[in-house]
């Protein structure tokens, strides 16, 4: 595929993950990046991450403070709907909190984070050398490049076009605000995509181990019983290692992933309110009867930009639990195959204690992908997110419509009093 012409052919898991982890590093949300064939942690990398975070926050609030001091911007804010302004402030506060939480938590857990890739690379090395496995790094890298390129293009286009339209007289400041906002919100977004990519890579290896645990494959590939038993023990150890990696991923991403999910829910709700609120007559303009066609066209374009901004967080919010759930499903299939090993090879009684110990460990561990507050990431949580979004959106629209209806009733009372007076 042409997209890989500019990238070196991936040969290791580091080459496969370098693109997505590099974007995460550029956003200041991790303390390591690729150097040579491996990922490295160094002082200058940590300094760079913290510098990017500080500069993004300074650019965000510095440009915002200057814009708020301008008279024309102040007039636009006065005309804006109060509930929309409240949602915008909430979004700004939450975005800042999530960005700071992501940077600090991943900086603290940088070595644990790096160890995940090191352990994954060691496992891949055993799969390739002992079993001749093909892990298809090229396909994963291509998918990451296409997905993140599209998501980045959509997100940056929406934010910058909205900034250009709003900042008729302050375009430089609005662009600085847009770039800073893109970094502050994009960092946690990329962190979610990295977590999704890790879950997908573990799922691929679980499916590969299922093939290796097939009795027909084992008998064909390793006809000697001693070698076969050795390879079976290696596969079982790799199954357990992948389960340990799930736990390690949970520890690294616990707080950052939970805060990012809360932010995505809040942001998606606010953007849905601005989209659907317009359709039921709850607009944020406040221009009254003076709104002409040009103003309506401008409002429509802004709603289009808002709809584009919704795509990256909603995709991550709903697709990531699906990847996690599918990976855990593949892991359970591996464990069921391990449970049958002593039935497939009854002549090797030494496999029974191995199977029994792994089954006991499985019951005690209960491995699942989770975020903070022990929220299990599976398909059920997708339904939960959908319910929260719809219910909160309905509450916001109902509140805004009630407020608008009250204003209309008040205007009718005033008009009636004036008519009676005359």
Protein backbone atom coordinates (compact mmCIF):
# COMPACT_ATOMS: atom_id res chain seq x y z
CA UNK A 1 0.00 0.00 0.00
CA UNK A 2 1.26 3.48 -0.91
CA UNK A 3 0.92 4.80 2.63
CA UNK A 4 3.89 2.65 3.68
CA UNK A 5 6.24 4.01 1.01
CA UNK A 6 7.35 6.70 3.46
CA UNK A 7 7.81 4.26 6.37
CA UNK A 8 10.39 1.57 6.92
CA UNK A 9 9.08 -1.97 6.76
CA UNK A 10 8.24 -2.93 10.37
CA UNK A 11 10.21 -5.85 11.74
CA UNK A 12 9.52 -5.60 15.48
CA UNK A 13 6.73 -4.46 17.76
CA UNK A 14 8.70 -1.23 18.31
CA UNK A 15 8.58 -0.46 14.59
CA UNK A 16 4.87 -1.31 14.58
CA UNK A 17 4.02 0.98 17.53
CA UNK A 18 6.51 3.77 16.78
CA UNK A 19 4.05 5.85 14.75
CA UNK A 20 1.22 5.94 17.27
CA UNK A 21 3.56 6.24 20.26
CA UNK A 22 5.50 8.98 18.45
CA UNK A 23 2.34 11.04 18.08
CA UNK A 24 1.62 10.51 21.76
CA UNK A 25 5.15 11.69 22.57
CA UNK A 26 4.79 14.79 20.36
CA UNK A 27 1.66 15.74 22.35
CA UNK A 28 3.71 15.56 25.56
CA UNK A 29 1.75 12.62 26.97
CA UNK A 30 4.52 10.09 27.43
CA UNK A 31 8.12 10.01 28.62
CA UNK A 32 9.66 7.77 25.95
CA UNK A 33 10.11 7.65 22.18
CA UNK A 34 11.85 5.46 19.62
CA UNK A 35 15.64 5.62 19.38
CA UNK A 36 17.26 3.08 17.11
CA UNK A 37 15.49 -0.27 17.29
CA UNK A 38 13.98 0.30 20.78
CA UNK A 39 11.99 2.79 22.83
CA UNK A 40 14.06 4.89 25.23
CA UNK A 41 13.44 6.99 28.34
CA UNK A 42 15.76 9.93 28.93
CA UNK A 43 15.85 13.23 30.79
CA UNK A 44 15.44 15.36 27.68
CA UNK A 45 12.37 13.35 26.65
CA UNK A 46 10.73 14.00 29.99
CA UNK A 47 11.69 17.68 29.83
CA UNK A 48 10.24 17.90 26.31
CA UNK A 49 6.94 16.34 27.43
CA UNK A 50 6.56 18.72 30.35
CA UNK A 51 7.57 21.71 28.20
CA UNK A 52 4.96 20.87 25.56
CA UNK A 53 2.30 20.53 28.26
CA UNK A 54 3.19 23.86 29.89
CA UNK A 55 3.41 25.73 26.56
CA UNK A 56 0.05 24.31 25.43
CA UNK A 57 -1.67 25.41 28.63
CA UNK A 58 -0.03 28.85 28.49
CA UNK A 59 -1.06 29.29 24.85
CA UNK A 60 -4.61 28.15 25.62
CA UNK A 61 -5.30 30.42 28.59
CA UNK A 62 -3.05 33.27 27.44
CA UNK A 63 -4.82 33.64 24.10
CA UNK A 64 -8.20 33.15 25.79
CA UNK A 65 -7.56 35.94 28.31
CA UNK A 66 -6.56 38.37 25.54
CA UNK A 67 -9.60 37.44 23.46
CA UNK A 68 -11.97 37.91 26.39
CA UNK A 69 -10.55 41.39 26.91
CA UNK A 70 -11.47 42.42 23.34
CA UNK A 71 -14.74 44.36 23.00
CA UNK A 72 -16.10 42.59 19.91
CA UNK A 73 -15.52 39.15 21.44
CA UNK A 74 -17.21 40.32 24.63
CA UNK A 75 -20.25 41.41 22.61
CA UNK A 76 -20.48 37.97 20.99
CA UNK A 77 -20.35 36.33 24.41
CA UNK A 78 -23.15 38.56 25.68
CA UNK A 79 -25.36 37.45 22.79
CA UNK A 80 -24.54 33.78 23.32
CA UNK A 81 -26.94 31.42 25.08
CA UNK A 82 -26.16 31.07 28.78
CA UNK A 83 -26.35 27.29 28.81
CA UNK A 84 -24.02 27.02 25.82
CA UNK A 85 -21.51 29.26 27.59
CA UNK A 86 -21.76 27.11 30.71
CA UNK A 87 -21.09 23.97 28.68
CA UNK A 88 -18.13 25.65 26.97
CA UNK A 89 -16.60 26.61 30.32
CA UNK A 90 -17.14 23.09 31.65
CA UNK A 91 -15.49 21.65 28.55
CA UNK A 92 -12.48 23.95 28.92
CA UNK A 93 -12.03 23.07 32.60
CA UNK A 94 -12.44 19.33 31.99
CA UNK A 95 -10.08 19.35 28.99
CA UNK A 96 -7.39 21.04 31.07
CA UNK A 97 -7.84 18.63 33.97
CA UNK A 98 -7.75 15.57 31.70
CA UNK A 99 -4.65 16.80 29.88
CA UNK A 100 -2.75 17.48 33.11
CA UNK A 101 -3.89 14.14 34.56
CA UNK A 102 -2.80 12.30 31.41
CA UNK A 103 0.62 13.93 31.27
CA UNK A 104 1.38 13.41 34.97
CA UNK A 105 0.02 9.86 35.23
CA UNK A 106 1.85 8.64 32.11
CA UNK A 107 5.06 10.38 33.15
CA UNK A 108 4.89 8.65 36.52
CA UNK A 109 4.14 5.28 34.88
CA UNK A 110 6.58 5.77 31.97
CA UNK A 111 8.84 2.87 32.91
CA UNK A 112 5.91 0.51 33.45
CA UNK A 113 4.52 1.68 30.13
CA UNK A 114 7.83 1.01 28.38
CA UNK A 115 8.06 -2.40 30.07
CA UNK A 116 4.80 -3.43 28.35
CA UNK A 117 6.42 -3.06 24.94
CA UNK A 118 9.62 -4.74 26.11
CA UNK A 119 7.70 -7.77 27.41
CA UNK A 120 5.59 -7.84 24.26
CA UNK A 121 8.74 -7.77 22.10
CA UNK A 122 10.26 -10.64 24.11
CA UNK A 123 7.09 -12.69 23.63
CA UNK A 124 7.11 -11.95 19.89
CA UNK A 125 10.73 -13.04 19.67
CA UNK A 126 9.83 -16.44 21.16
CA UNK A 127 6.85 -16.82 18.81
CA UNK A 128 8.97 -16.10 15.76
CA UNK A 129 12.05 -18.12 16.73
CA UNK A 130 10.37 -21.19 18.27
CA UNK A 131 7.15 -21.39 16.26
CA UNK A 132 7.89 -19.50 13.04
CA UNK A 133 4.94 -17.15 13.59
CA UNK A 134 4.10 -14.27 11.27
CA UNK A 135 2.77 -11.38 13.35
CA UNK A 136 1.94 -9.19 10.33
CA UNK A 137 3.35 -5.95 11.73
CA UNK A 138 2.83 -4.27 8.37
CA UNK A 139 -0.95 -4.60 8.56
CA UNK A 140 -1.14 -3.13 12.08
CA UNK A 141 1.15 -0.21 11.19
CA UNK A 142 -0.87 0.54 8.05
CA UNK A 143 -4.10 0.56 10.05
CA UNK A 144 -2.63 2.93 12.66
CA UNK A 145 -1.35 5.30 9.99
CA UNK A 146 -4.63 5.46 8.07
CA UNK A 147 -6.84 5.72 11.16
CA UNK A 148 -4.84 8.41 12.95
CA UNK A 149 -4.20 10.38 9.75
CA UNK A 150 -7.93 10.55 9.06
CA UNK A 151 -8.82 11.36 12.68
CA UNK A 152 -6.14 14.06 12.91
CA UNK A 153 -7.17 15.63 9.61
CA UNK A 154 -10.83 15.78 10.64
CA UNK A 155 -10.10 17.13 14.11
CA UNK A 156 -7.60 19.81 13.08
CA UNK A 157 -9.71 20.91 10.11
CA UNK A 158 -12.79 21.37 12.27
CA UNK A 159 -11.00 23.27 15.04
CA UNK A 160 -8.97 25.58 12.78
CA UNK A 161 -11.85 26.34 10.41
CA UNK A 162 -14.03 27.26 13.38
CA UNK A 163 -11.25 29.49 14.74
CA UNK A 164 -10.84 31.27 11.39
CA UNK A 165 -14.57 31.87 11.11
CA UNK A 166 -14.91 33.19 14.65
CA UNK A 167 -11.78 35.32 14.68
CA UNK A 168 -12.56 37.84 11.97
CA UNK A 169 -10.44 40.50 13.66
CA UNK A 170 -8.28 38.28 15.89
CA UNK A 171 -7.35 35.40 13.62
CA UNK A 172 -3.82 35.02 14.98
CA UNK A 173 -5.10 34.73 18.56
CA UNK A 174 -7.91 32.37 17.57
CA UNK A 175 -5.44 30.17 15.68
CA UNK A 176 -3.11 30.11 18.70
CA UNK A 177 -6.09 29.16 20.86
CA UNK A 178 -7.11 26.47 18.34
CA UNK A 179 -3.61 24.94 18.17
CA UNK A 180 -3.29 24.93 21.96
CA UNK A 181 -6.76 23.46 22.32
CA UNK A 182 -5.91 20.76 19.76
CA UNK A 183 -2.85 19.75 21.82
CA UNK A 184 -4.71 19.82 25.14
CA UNK A 185 -7.57 17.67 23.84
CA UNK A 186 -5.57 15.69 21.27
CA UNK A 187 -3.10 14.34 23.82
CA UNK A 188 -5.74 12.37 25.76
CA UNK A 189 -7.35 11.34 22.44
CA UNK A 190 -4.09 9.78 21.22
CA UNK A 191 -3.64 8.10 24.59
CA UNK A 192 -7.00 6.39 24.08
CA UNK A 193 -5.94 5.23 20.62
CA UNK A 194 -2.66 3.84 22.02
CA UNK A 195 -4.64 1.86 24.61
CA UNK A 196 -6.93 0.61 21.83
CA UNK A 197 -3.91 -0.42 19.76
CA UNK A 198 -2.40 -2.34 22.68
CA UNK A 199 -5.67 -4.19 23.23
CA UNK A 200 -5.79 -5.10 19.54
CA UNK A 201 -2.17 -6.36 19.55
CA UNK A 202 -2.88 -8.60 22.55
CA UNK A 203 -5.98 -9.94 20.80
CA UNK A 204 -3.93 -10.84 17.72
CA UNK A 205 -1.47 -12.79 19.86
CA UNK A 206 -4.24 -14.59 21.71
CA UNK A 207 -5.68 -15.74 18.37
CA UNK A 208 -2.24 -16.89 17.28
CA UNK A 209 -1.80 -18.88 20.49
CA UNK A 210 -5.13 -20.58 19.85
CA UNK A 211 -3.72 -21.91 16.60
CA UNK A 212 -0.56 -23.05 18.35
CA UNK A 213 -2.64 -24.91 20.97
CA UNK A 214 -4.39 -27.01 18.33
CA UNK A 215 -3.54 -30.70 18.91
CA UNK A 216 -3.23 -31.34 15.16
CA UNK A 217 -0.73 -28.51 14.80
CA UNK A 218 1.28 -29.64 17.83
CA UNK A 219 1.48 -33.24 16.61
CA UNK A 220 2.44 -32.16 13.09
CA UNK A 221 4.89 -29.42 14.04
CA UNK A 222 6.53 -31.24 16.97
CA UNK A 223 6.39 -35.03 16.44
CA UNK A 224 8.85 -35.69 19.26
CA UNK A 225 6.95 -35.87 22.54
CA UNK A 226 9.66 -34.18 24.63
CA UNK A 227 9.89 -31.23 22.26
CA UNK A 228 6.10 -31.05 22.05
CA UNK A 229 5.74 -30.86 25.83
CA UNK A 230 8.38 -28.13 25.98
CA UNK A 231 6.54 -26.08 23.35
CA UNK A 232 3.21 -26.63 25.12
CA UNK A 233 4.68 -25.27 28.32
CA UNK A 234 6.04 -22.29 26.40
CA UNK A 235 2.64 -21.55 24.88
CA UNK A 236 0.90 -21.83 28.25
CA UNK A 237 3.48 -19.47 29.74
CA UNK A 238 2.82 -16.99 26.92
CA UNK A 239 -0.93 -17.19 27.53
CA UNK A 240 -0.34 -16.30 31.16
CA UNK A 241 2.12 -13.56 30.19
CA UNK A 242 -0.47 -11.90 27.96
CA UNK A 243 -2.93 -11.96 30.86
CA UNK A 244 -0.32 -10.26 33.03
CA UNK A 245 0.13 -7.63 30.32
CA UNK A 246 -3.61 -6.88 30.49
CA UNK A 247 -3.20 -6.20 34.21
CA UNK A 248 -0.15 -4.02 33.55
CA UNK A 249 -2.01 -1.99 30.92
CA UNK A 250 -4.80 -1.43 33.44
CA UNK A 251 -2.30 -0.09 35.97
CA UNK A 252 -0.64 2.28 33.49
CA UNK A 253 -3.84 3.69 31.98
CA UNK A 254 -6.17 3.50 34.99
CA UNK A 255 -6.49 7.20 35.80
CA UNK A 256 -5.74 8.72 32.39
CA UNK A 257 -8.22 6.46 30.60
CA UNK A 258 -10.98 7.03 33.14
CA UNK A 259 -10.57 10.82 33.03
CA UNK A 260 -10.46 10.78 29.21
CA UNK A 261 -13.67 8.74 29.08
CA UNK A 262 -15.40 11.19 31.42
CA UNK A 263 -14.18 14.06 29.24
CA UNK A 264 -15.42 12.37 26.06
CA UNK A 265 -18.84 11.85 27.58
CA UNK A 266 -19.09 15.49 28.67
CA UNK A 267 -17.77 16.87 25.38
CA UNK A 268 -19.97 14.62 23.26
CA UNK A 269 -23.00 15.61 25.31
CA UNK A 270 -22.28 19.32 24.94
CA UNK A 271 -21.72 19.02 21.20
CA UNK A 272 -24.85 16.92 20.76
CA UNK A 273 -26.78 19.58 22.65
CA UNK A 274 -25.54 22.28 20.29
CA UNK A 275 -26.47 20.12 17.29
CA UNK A 276 -29.88 18.83 18.33
CA UNK A 277 -30.74 21.88 20.38
CA UNK A 278 -30.65 23.88 17.18
CA UNK A 279 -33.16 21.53 15.57
CA UNK A 280 -35.71 22.08 18.36
CA UNK A 281 -35.30 25.85 18.39
CA UNK A 282 -32.76 26.14 21.20
CA UNK A 283 -30.07 28.20 19.52
CA UNK A 284 -27.13 29.86 21.09
CA UNK A 285 -27.28 33.02 19.07
CA UNK A 286 -29.65 35.29 20.93
CA UNK A 287 -29.88 37.55 17.85
CA UNK A 288 -33.69 37.43 17.89
CA UNK A 289 -35.50 38.66 14.80
CA UNK A 290 -32.40 40.43 13.51
CA UNK A 291 -30.80 37.14 12.38
CA UNK A 292 -30.46 37.22 8.58
CA UNK A 293 -29.53 34.50 6.12
CA UNK A 294 -25.81 35.19 6.39
CA UNK A 295 -25.90 34.77 10.15
CA UNK A 296 -27.87 31.53 9.81
CA UNK A 297 -25.34 30.25 7.29
CA UNK A 298 -22.51 31.05 9.68
CA UNK A 299 -24.34 29.24 12.49
CA UNK A 300 -24.85 26.22 10.21
CA UNK A 301 -21.15 26.09 9.37
CA UNK A 302 -20.25 26.23 13.05
CA UNK A 303 -22.59 23.33 13.73
CA UNK A 304 -20.87 21.42 10.93
CA UNK A 305 -17.49 22.01 12.57
CA UNK A 306 -18.93 20.84 15.89
CA UNK A 307 -20.21 17.66 14.21
CA UNK A 308 -16.73 16.99 12.80
CA UNK A 309 -15.14 17.50 16.23
CA UNK A 310 -17.46 14.84 17.62
CA UNK A 311 -16.16 12.07 15.34
CA UNK A 312 -12.77 11.30 17.05
CA UNK A 313 -14.00 11.13 20.67
CA UNK A 314 -17.18 9.23 19.79
CA UNK A 315 -15.26 6.71 17.69
CA UNK A 316 -12.78 6.12 20.51
CA UNK A 317 -15.47 6.05 23.17
CA UNK A 318 -17.55 3.37 21.48
CA UNK A 319 -14.95 1.32 19.59
CA UNK A 320 -12.28 0.97 22.32
CA UNK A 321 -14.48 -1.14 24.66
CA UNK A 322 -15.30 -3.37 21.69
CA UNK A 323 -11.58 -4.08 21.11
CA UNK A 324 -11.07 -4.75 24.82
CA UNK A 325 -14.06 -7.07 25.01
CA UNK A 326 -12.95 -9.00 21.92
CA UNK A 327 -9.43 -9.43 23.30
CA UNK A 328 -10.76 -10.84 26.60
CA UNK A 329 -13.02 -13.17 24.61
CA UNK A 330 -9.98 -14.47 22.70
CA UNK A 331 -8.12 -14.90 25.99
CA UNK A 332 -10.92 -17.06 27.37
CA UNK A 333 -10.79 -19.22 24.26
CA UNK A 334 -7.09 -19.76 24.92
CA UNK A 335 -7.78 -20.82 28.47
CA UNK A 336 -10.45 -23.28 27.34
CA UNK A 337 -7.93 -24.84 24.96
CA UNK A 338 -5.34 -25.09 27.74
CA UNK A 339 -7.97 -26.82 29.88
CA UNK A 340 -8.20 -29.60 27.26
CA UNK A 341 -4.47 -30.31 27.05
CA UNK A 342 -4.43 -33.18 29.53
CA UNK A 343 -7.36 -34.76 27.61
CA UNK A 344 -5.58 -34.44 24.27
CA UNK A 345 -2.31 -35.84 25.58
CA UNK A 346 -3.28 -38.27 28.37
CA UNK A 347 0.05 -40.06 28.14
CA UNK A 348 1.81 -36.95 29.49
CA UNK A 349 0.65 -36.82 33.10
CA UNK A 350 3.07 -33.98 33.76
CA UNK A 351 0.69 -31.61 31.93
CA UNK A 352 -2.10 -32.08 34.49
CA UNK A 353 -0.49 -30.02 37.27
CA UNK A 354 0.30 -27.30 34.72
CA UNK A 355 -3.32 -27.15 33.54
CA UNK A 356 -4.69 -27.28 37.09
CA UNK A 357 -2.44 -24.48 38.32
CA UNK A 358 -3.39 -22.21 35.37
CA UNK A 359 -7.11 -22.85 35.87
CA UNK A 360 -6.81 -22.04 39.57
CA UNK A 361 -4.90 -18.87 38.76
CA UNK A 362 -7.55 -17.90 36.22
CA UNK A 363 -10.36 -18.15 38.78
CA UNK A 364 -8.42 -15.99 41.23
CA UNK A 365 -7.23 -13.37 38.74
CA UNK A 366 -10.44 -12.72 36.70
CA UNK A 367 -8.61 -10.69 34.06
CA UNK A 368 -10.53 -7.82 32.44
CA UNK A 369 -9.65 -4.53 30.80
CA UNK A 370 -10.62 -1.79 33.23
CA UNK A 371 -10.22 1.94 33.69
CA UNK A 372 -10.30 3.93 36.91
CA UNK A 373 -13.01 3.11 39.47
CA UNK A 374 -12.92 -0.49 38.14
CA UNK A 375 -15.07 0.31 35.10
CA UNK A 376 -14.90 -2.86 32.98
CA UNK A 377 -14.36 -2.05 29.30
CA UNK A 378 -16.65 -4.35 27.35
CA UNK A 379 -19.74 -4.18 25.15
CA UNK A 380 -22.00 -3.50 28.11
CA UNK A 381 -20.22 -0.26 28.82
CA UNK A 382 -21.01 0.87 25.25
CA UNK A 383 -24.70 0.58 26.07
CA UNK A 384 -24.08 2.44 29.32
CA UNK A 385 -22.33 5.27 27.49
CA UNK A 386 -25.16 5.50 24.98
CA UNK A 387 -27.77 5.66 27.74
CA UNK A 388 -25.86 8.38 29.58
CA UNK A 389 -25.44 10.44 26.43
CA UNK A 390 -29.09 10.22 25.41
CA UNK A 391 -30.52 10.87 28.89
CA UNK A 392 -28.21 13.79 29.64
CA UNK A 393 -28.87 15.26 26.21
CA UNK A 394 -32.63 15.06 26.75
CA UNK A 395 -32.28 16.76 30.13
CA UNK A 396 -30.24 19.60 28.64
CA UNK A 397 -32.64 20.17 25.76
CA UNK A 398 -35.67 20.00 28.05
CA UNK A 399 -34.09 22.49 30.43
CA UNK A 400 -33.20 24.86 27.60
CA UNK A 401 -36.66 24.58 26.01
CA UNK A 402 -38.30 25.26 29.37
CA UNK A 403 -36.11 28.31 29.81
CA UNK A 404 -36.97 29.57 26.34
CA UNK A 405 -40.68 28.92 26.89
CA UNK A 406 -40.53 30.92 30.10
CA UNK A 407 -38.93 33.83 28.25
CA UNK A 408 -41.66 33.71 25.59
CA UNK A 409 -44.41 33.69 28.23
CA UNK A 410 -42.78 36.68 29.93
CA UNK A 411 -42.67 38.55 26.62
CA UNK A 412 -46.34 37.77 26.00
CA UNK A 413 -47.24 39.12 29.46
CA UNK A 414 -45.37 42.34 28.76
CA UNK A 415 -47.04 42.71 25.34
CA UNK A 416 -50.48 42.06 26.89
CA UNK A 417 -49.89 44.65 29.63
CA UNK A 418 -48.84 47.22 27.04
CA UNK A 419 -51.95 46.49 24.93
CA UNK A 420 -54.24 46.81 28.00
CA UNK A 421 -52.53 50.03 28.98
CA UNK A 422 -53.15 51.52 25.59
